[in-house]
Amino acid sequence: MEKPKPIRITPALWILNLILILDQVTKIVVRRYMPHGDSFTIWQKAFGETFRLSHVSNDGSAFSFSPFDPTGNRIFFIVVTILGLCLIGWLLKKASNRFQVVIYGFILGGALGNLIDRIAFGKVTDFIDVDFPDFIMQRWPVFNIADSAIVIAMILLIIELFIHREPRTAEVKHSDQTESENK
């Protein structure tokens, strides 16, 4: 029996590096040229107040979820991120298709981007401020490229679950029939 050809992880490394570079460069520009708390509208003529750049910091996670004080949050999220990176690295080595490799590249790039901020600054720099017409919140929480990469990965993961669904085998169907006949 022929051994299956291993899936190359090179695309994940390219995606990881691209996201990491874009994330860190944009955060450096924001920290250097925008005072903390500043906000200004971009593409106003075309989109009104929909798109803004807003320099904020977040010592929590998504939607500013913060289970502890700032120091506790920093330690907690650094440890959780490192454990998550280890898990994703392990899953990447076991990836069964290229789509999974791409997904893991997005997750790794996003997680590393925010991990660098947490280690270096104790909090994450956010700057993308979008008003999605959701009728629930006044504005969507401010985010960054790393956050976007993780959200993209989650969307791709949901798609991947539908694309690569394992069909029910005849054996499982047979056991289901036998079980219903015995009732």
C-alpha atoms as a PDB file:
ATOM      1  CA  MET A   1       0.000   0.000   0.000  1.00  0.00           C
ATOM      2  CA  GLU A   2       1.318   3.407  -0.987  1.00  0.00           C
ATOM      3  CA  LYS A   3       1.815   5.979   1.740  1.00  0.00           C
ATOM      4  CA  PRO A   4      -0.232   9.169   1.217  1.00  0.00           C
ATOM      5  CA  LYS A   5       1.821  12.115   0.058  1.00  0.00           C
ATOM      6  CA  PRO A   6       2.310  14.591   2.934  1.00  0.00           C
ATOM      7  CA  ILE A   7       0.617  17.962   2.595  1.00  0.00           C
ATOM      8  CA  ARG A   8       3.115  20.789   2.209  1.00  0.00           C
ATOM      9  CA  ILE A   9       2.848  23.476   4.871  1.00  0.00           C
ATOM     10  CA  THR A  10       4.652  26.132   2.817  1.00  0.00           C
ATOM     11  CA  PRO A  11       1.420  28.027   1.978  1.00  0.00           C
ATOM     12  CA  ALA A  12       0.689  28.370   5.701  1.00  0.00           C
ATOM     13  CA  LEU A  13       4.127  29.874   6.276  1.00  0.00           C
ATOM     14  CA  TRP A  14       3.641  32.381   3.440  1.00  0.00           C
ATOM     15  CA  ILE A  15       0.208  33.382   4.747  1.00  0.00           C
ATOM     16  CA  LEU A  16       1.487  33.579   8.327  1.00  0.00           C
ATOM     17  CA  ASN A  17       4.361  35.857   7.298  1.00  0.00           C
ATOM     18  CA  LEU A  18       2.192  38.074   5.075  1.00  0.00           C
ATOM     19  CA  ILE A  19      -0.378  38.590   7.840  1.00  0.00           C
ATOM     20  CA  LEU A  20       2.296  39.125  10.476  1.00  0.00           C
ATOM     21  CA  ILE A  21       4.114  41.740   8.379  1.00  0.00           C
ATOM     22  CA  LEU A  22       0.909  43.597   7.409  1.00  0.00           C
ATOM     23  CA  ASP A  23      -0.362  43.489  10.988  1.00  0.00           C
ATOM     24  CA  GLN A  24       2.839  44.696  12.613  1.00  0.00           C
ATOM     25  CA  VAL A  25       3.624  47.381  10.018  1.00  0.00           C
ATOM     26  CA  THR A  26       0.119  48.860  10.259  1.00  0.00           C
ATOM     27  CA  LYS A  27       0.242  48.817  14.064  1.00  0.00           C
ATOM     28  CA  ILE A  28       3.665  50.505  14.057  1.00  0.00           C
ATOM     29  CA  VAL A  29       2.330  53.243  11.757  1.00  0.00           C
ATOM     30  CA  VAL A  30      -0.752  53.748  13.950  1.00  0.00           C
ATOM     31  CA  ARG A  31       1.271  53.865  17.200  1.00  0.00           C
ATOM     32  CA  ARG A  32       3.807  56.246  15.686  1.00  0.00           C
ATOM     33  CA  TYR A  33       1.577  58.689  13.793  1.00  0.00           C
ATOM     34  CA  MET A  34      -1.803  58.620  15.579  1.00  0.00           C
ATOM     35  CA  PRO A  35      -2.134  59.776  19.166  1.00  0.00           C
ATOM     36  CA  HIS A  36      -3.899  57.192  21.315  1.00  0.00           C
ATOM     37  CA  GLY A  37      -7.645  57.869  21.271  1.00  0.00           C
ATOM     38  CA  ASP A  38      -7.589  59.781  17.965  1.00  0.00           C
ATOM     39  CA  SER A  39     -10.078  58.845  15.269  1.00  0.00           C
ATOM     40  CA  PHE A  40     -10.738  60.099  11.760  1.00  0.00           C
ATOM     41  CA  THR A  41     -13.081  59.110   8.948  1.00  0.00           C
ATOM     42  CA  ILE A  42     -11.713  57.706   5.684  1.00  0.00           C
ATOM     43  CA  TRP A  43     -13.517  57.570   2.313  1.00  0.00           C
ATOM     44  CA  GLN A  44     -16.152  59.936   3.749  1.00  0.00           C
ATOM     45  CA  LYS A  45     -17.471  61.148   0.380  1.00  0.00           C
ATOM     46  CA  ALA A  46     -18.251  57.601  -0.722  1.00  0.00           C
ATOM     47  CA  PHE A  47     -19.257  55.936   2.545  1.00  0.00           C
ATOM     48  CA  GLY A  48     -20.055  58.655   5.082  1.00  0.00           C
ATOM     49  CA  GLU A  49     -19.008  57.702   8.627  1.00  0.00           C
ATOM     50  CA  THR A  50     -18.784  53.961   7.868  1.00  0.00           C
ATOM     51  CA  PHE A  51     -14.972  53.673   7.844  1.00  0.00           C
ATOM     52  CA  ARG A  52     -12.669  55.236  10.434  1.00  0.00           C
ATOM     53  CA  LEU A  53      -9.168  54.797  11.707  1.00  0.00           C
ATOM     54  CA  SER A  54      -9.255  54.901  15.502  1.00  0.00           C
ATOM     55  CA  HIS A  55      -6.210  54.289  17.687  1.00  0.00           C
ATOM     56  CA  VAL A  56      -7.275  52.249  20.706  1.00  0.00           C
ATOM     57  CA  SER A  57      -5.689  49.569  22.879  1.00  0.00           C
ATOM     58  CA  ASN A  58      -7.251  46.399  24.206  1.00  0.00           C
ATOM     59  CA  ASP A  59      -5.855  44.396  27.119  1.00  0.00           C
ATOM     60  CA  GLY A  60      -8.645  41.814  26.774  1.00  0.00           C
ATOM     61  CA  SER A  61      -9.726  39.722  23.831  1.00  0.00           C
ATOM     62  CA  ALA A  62     -12.557  39.981  21.299  1.00  0.00           C
ATOM     63  CA  PHE A  63     -15.103  42.649  22.239  1.00  0.00           C
ATOM     64  CA  SER A  64     -12.698  43.690  25.045  1.00  0.00           C
ATOM     65  CA  PHE A  65     -13.506  40.563  27.078  1.00  0.00           C
ATOM     66  CA  SER A  66     -11.285  40.893  30.164  1.00  0.00           C
ATOM     67  CA  PRO A  67     -11.528  38.226  32.866  1.00  0.00           C
ATOM     68  CA  PHE A  68      -8.775  39.752  35.033  1.00  0.00           C
ATOM     69  CA  ASP A  69      -6.970  42.997  35.786  1.00  0.00           C
ATOM     70  CA  PRO A  70      -4.582  44.221  33.023  1.00  0.00           C
ATOM     71  CA  THR A  71      -1.591  42.205  34.338  1.00  0.00           C
ATOM     72  CA  GLY A  72      -3.707  39.088  34.805  1.00  0.00           C
ATOM     73  CA  ASN A  73      -5.174  39.525  31.326  1.00  0.00           C
ATOM     74  CA  ARG A  74      -1.704  39.873  29.838  1.00  0.00           C
ATOM     75  CA  ILE A  75      -0.448  36.661  31.456  1.00  0.00           C
ATOM     76  CA  PHE A  76      -3.680  34.761  30.770  1.00  0.00           C
ATOM     77  CA  PHE A  77      -3.888  35.703  27.084  1.00  0.00           C
ATOM     78  CA  ILE A  78      -0.164  35.124  26.465  1.00  0.00           C
ATOM     79  CA  VAL A  79      -0.391  31.609  27.950  1.00  0.00           C
ATOM     80  CA  VAL A  80      -3.652  30.784  26.140  1.00  0.00           C
ATOM     81  CA  THR A  81      -2.243  32.098  22.839  1.00  0.00           C
ATOM     82  CA  ILE A  82       0.967  30.069  23.174  1.00  0.00           C
ATOM     83  CA  LEU A  83      -1.055  26.924  23.936  1.00  0.00           C
ATOM     84  CA  GLY A  84      -3.312  27.706  20.963  1.00  0.00           C
ATOM     85  CA  LEU A  85      -0.300  28.214  18.693  1.00  0.00           C
ATOM     86  CA  CYS A  86       1.074  24.823  19.771  1.00  0.00           C
ATOM     87  CA  LEU A  87      -2.270  23.168  19.024  1.00  0.00           C
ATOM     88  CA  ILE A  88      -2.574  24.836  15.610  1.00  0.00           C
ATOM     89  CA  GLY A  89       1.046  23.908  14.806  1.00  0.00           C
ATOM     90  CA  TRP A  90       0.252  20.276  15.645  1.00  0.00           C
ATOM     91  CA  LEU A  91      -2.938  20.396  13.554  1.00  0.00           C
ATOM     92  CA  LEU A  92      -0.982  21.962  10.683  1.00  0.00           C
ATOM     93  CA  LYS A  93       1.422  19.013  10.660  1.00  0.00           C
ATOM     94  CA  LYS A  94      -1.579  16.672  10.487  1.00  0.00           C
ATOM     95  CA  ALA A  95      -3.498  18.700   7.876  1.00  0.00           C
ATOM     96  CA  SER A  96      -5.271  16.446   5.403  1.00  0.00           C
ATOM     97  CA  ASN A  97      -5.736  19.025   2.641  1.00  0.00           C
ATOM     98  CA  ARG A  98      -4.443  22.366   1.374  1.00  0.00           C
ATOM     99  CA  PHE A  99      -7.550  24.211   2.511  1.00  0.00           C
ATOM    100  CA  GLN A 100      -6.735  23.303   6.120  1.00  0.00           C
ATOM    101  CA  VAL A 101      -3.156  24.480   5.587  1.00  0.00           C
ATOM    102  CA  VAL A 102      -4.457  27.887   4.455  1.00  0.00           C
ATOM    103  CA  ILE A 103      -6.818  28.099   7.446  1.00  0.00           C
ATOM    104  CA  TYR A 104      -4.013  27.320   9.900  1.00  0.00           C
ATOM    105  CA  GLY A 105      -1.789  29.926   8.227  1.00  0.00           C
ATOM    106  CA  PHE A 106      -4.431  32.608   8.855  1.00  0.00           C
ATOM    107  CA  ILE A 107      -4.870  31.542  12.487  1.00  0.00           C
ATOM    108  CA  LEU A 108      -1.127  31.420  13.151  1.00  0.00           C
ATOM    109  CA  GLY A 109      -0.522  34.825  11.534  1.00  0.00           C
ATOM    110  CA  GLY A 110      -3.338  36.473  13.478  1.00  0.00           C
ATOM    111  CA  ALA A 111      -2.470  34.866  16.792  1.00  0.00           C
ATOM    112  CA  LEU A 112       1.231  35.727  16.469  1.00  0.00           C
ATOM    113  CA  GLY A 113       0.434  39.324  15.506  1.00  0.00           C
ATOM    114  CA  ASN A 114      -1.582  39.898  18.658  1.00  0.00           C
ATOM    115  CA  LEU A 115       0.852  37.871  20.800  1.00  0.00           C
ATOM    116  CA  ILE A 116       3.699  40.190  19.786  1.00  0.00           C
ATOM    117  CA  ASP A 117       1.630  43.181  20.959  1.00  0.00           C
ATOM    118  CA  ARG A 118       0.766  41.533  24.285  1.00  0.00           C
ATOM    119  CA  ILE A 119       4.378  40.644  25.009  1.00  0.00           C
ATOM    120  CA  ALA A 120       5.834  43.984  23.860  1.00  0.00           C
ATOM    121  CA  PHE A 121       3.138  46.397  25.102  1.00  0.00           C
ATOM    122  CA  GLY A 122       0.875  44.466  27.463  1.00  0.00           C
ATOM    123  CA  LYS A 123      -2.104  45.126  25.200  1.00  0.00           C
ATOM    124  CA  VAL A 124      -3.132  44.898  21.558  1.00  0.00           C
ATOM    125  CA  THR A 125      -3.266  47.914  19.237  1.00  0.00           C
ATOM    126  CA  ASP A 126      -6.558  48.156  17.332  1.00  0.00           C
ATOM    127  CA  PHE A 127      -7.363  50.711  14.634  1.00  0.00           C
ATOM    128  CA  ILE A 128      -9.914  49.475  12.071  1.00  0.00           C
ATOM    129  CA  ASP A 129     -13.216  51.075  13.019  1.00  0.00           C
ATOM    130  CA  VAL A 130     -16.201  50.068  10.877  1.00  0.00           C
ATOM    131  CA  ASP A 131     -19.886  50.757  11.328  1.00  0.00           C
ATOM    132  CA  PHE A 132     -21.646  47.618  10.118  1.00  0.00           C
ATOM    133  CA  PRO A 133     -25.380  48.271   9.821  1.00  0.00           C
ATOM    134  CA  ASP A 134     -26.341  45.652  12.397  1.00  0.00           C
ATOM    135  CA  PHE A 135     -28.909  47.701  14.321  1.00  0.00           C
ATOM    136  CA  ILE A 136     -27.592  46.275  17.603  1.00  0.00           C
ATOM    137  CA  MET A 137     -24.423  48.223  18.317  1.00  0.00           C
ATOM    138  CA  GLN A 138     -23.758  51.845  17.561  1.00  0.00           C
ATOM    139  CA  ARG A 139     -20.403  50.829  15.998  1.00  0.00           C
ATOM    140  CA  TRP A 140     -18.606  47.533  15.675  1.00  0.00           C
ATOM    141  CA  PRO A 141     -15.687  47.097  18.128  1.00  0.00           C
ATOM    142  CA  VAL A 142     -12.378  48.398  16.746  1.00  0.00           C
ATOM    143  CA  PHE A 143     -10.089  45.632  15.455  1.00  0.00           C
ATOM    144  CA  ASN A 144      -6.823  45.040  13.558  1.00  0.00           C
ATOM    145  CA  ILE A 145      -5.429  42.907  10.732  1.00  0.00           C
ATOM    146  CA  ALA A 146      -4.558  40.026  13.076  1.00  0.00           C
ATOM    147  CA  ASP A 147      -8.159  39.933  14.315  1.00  0.00           C
ATOM    148  CA  SER A 148      -9.379  39.984  10.708  1.00  0.00           C
ATOM    149  CA  ALA A 149      -7.134  37.032   9.833  1.00  0.00           C
ATOM    150  CA  ILE A 150      -8.568  34.973  12.683  1.00  0.00           C
ATOM    151  CA  VAL A 151     -12.148  35.803  11.649  1.00  0.00           C
ATOM    152  CA  ILE A 152     -11.343  34.894   8.028  1.00  0.00           C
ATOM    153  CA  ALA A 153      -9.895  31.590   9.285  1.00  0.00           C
ATOM    154  CA  MET A 154     -13.078  30.837  11.232  1.00  0.00           C
ATOM    155  CA  ILE A 155     -15.223  31.525   8.148  1.00  0.00           C
ATOM    156  CA  LEU A 156     -12.946  29.286   6.058  1.00  0.00           C
ATOM    157  CA  LEU A 157     -13.107  26.601   8.752  1.00  0.00           C
ATOM    158  CA  ILE A 158     -16.915  26.576   8.589  1.00  0.00           C
ATOM    159  CA  ILE A 159     -16.727  26.315   4.785  1.00  0.00           C
ATOM    160  CA  GLU A 160     -14.159  23.525   5.107  1.00  0.00           C
ATOM    161  CA  LEU A 161     -16.441  21.578   7.444  1.00  0.00           C
ATOM    162  CA  PHE A 162     -19.131  21.562   4.745  1.00  0.00           C
ATOM    163  CA  ILE A 163     -16.791  20.872   1.817  1.00  0.00           C
ATOM    164  CA  HIS A 164     -14.887  17.997   3.401  1.00  0.00           C
ATOM    165  CA  ARG A 165     -17.728  16.301   5.264  1.00  0.00           C
ATOM    166  CA  GLU A 166     -17.236  12.601   5.750  1.00  0.00           C
ATOM    167  CA  PRO A 167     -20.141  10.704   4.188  1.00  0.00           C
ATOM    168  CA  ARG A 168     -21.862   8.192   6.421  1.00  0.00           C
ATOM    169  CA  THR A 169     -20.513   4.767   5.634  1.00  0.00           C
ATOM    170  CA  ALA A 170     -22.676   1.772   4.786  1.00  0.00           C
ATOM    171  CA  GLU A 171     -21.537   0.137   8.034  1.00  0.00           C
ATOM    172  CA  VAL A 172     -22.916   3.002  10.107  1.00  0.00           C
ATOM    173  CA  LYS A 173     -26.176   2.933   8.122  1.00  0.00           C
ATOM    174  CA  HIS A 174     -26.412  -0.838   8.617  1.00  0.00           C
ATOM    175  CA  SER A 175     -25.907  -0.539  12.387  1.00  0.00           C
ATOM    176  CA  ASP A 176     -28.589   2.185  12.484  1.00  0.00           C
ATOM    177  CA  GLN A 177     -31.021  -0.111  10.642  1.00  0.00           C
ATOM    178  CA  THR A 178     -30.238  -3.070  12.904  1.00  0.00           C
ATOM    179  CA  GLU A 179     -30.742  -0.883  15.964  1.00  0.00           C
ATOM    180  CA  SER A 180     -34.152   0.329  14.750  1.00  0.00           C
ATOM    181  CA  GLU A 181     -35.232  -3.229  13.859  1.00  0.00           C
ATOM    182  CA  ASN A 182     -34.373  -4.426  17.382  1.00  0.00           C
ATOM    183  CA  LYS A 183     -36.673  -1.857  18.996  1.00  0.00           C
END
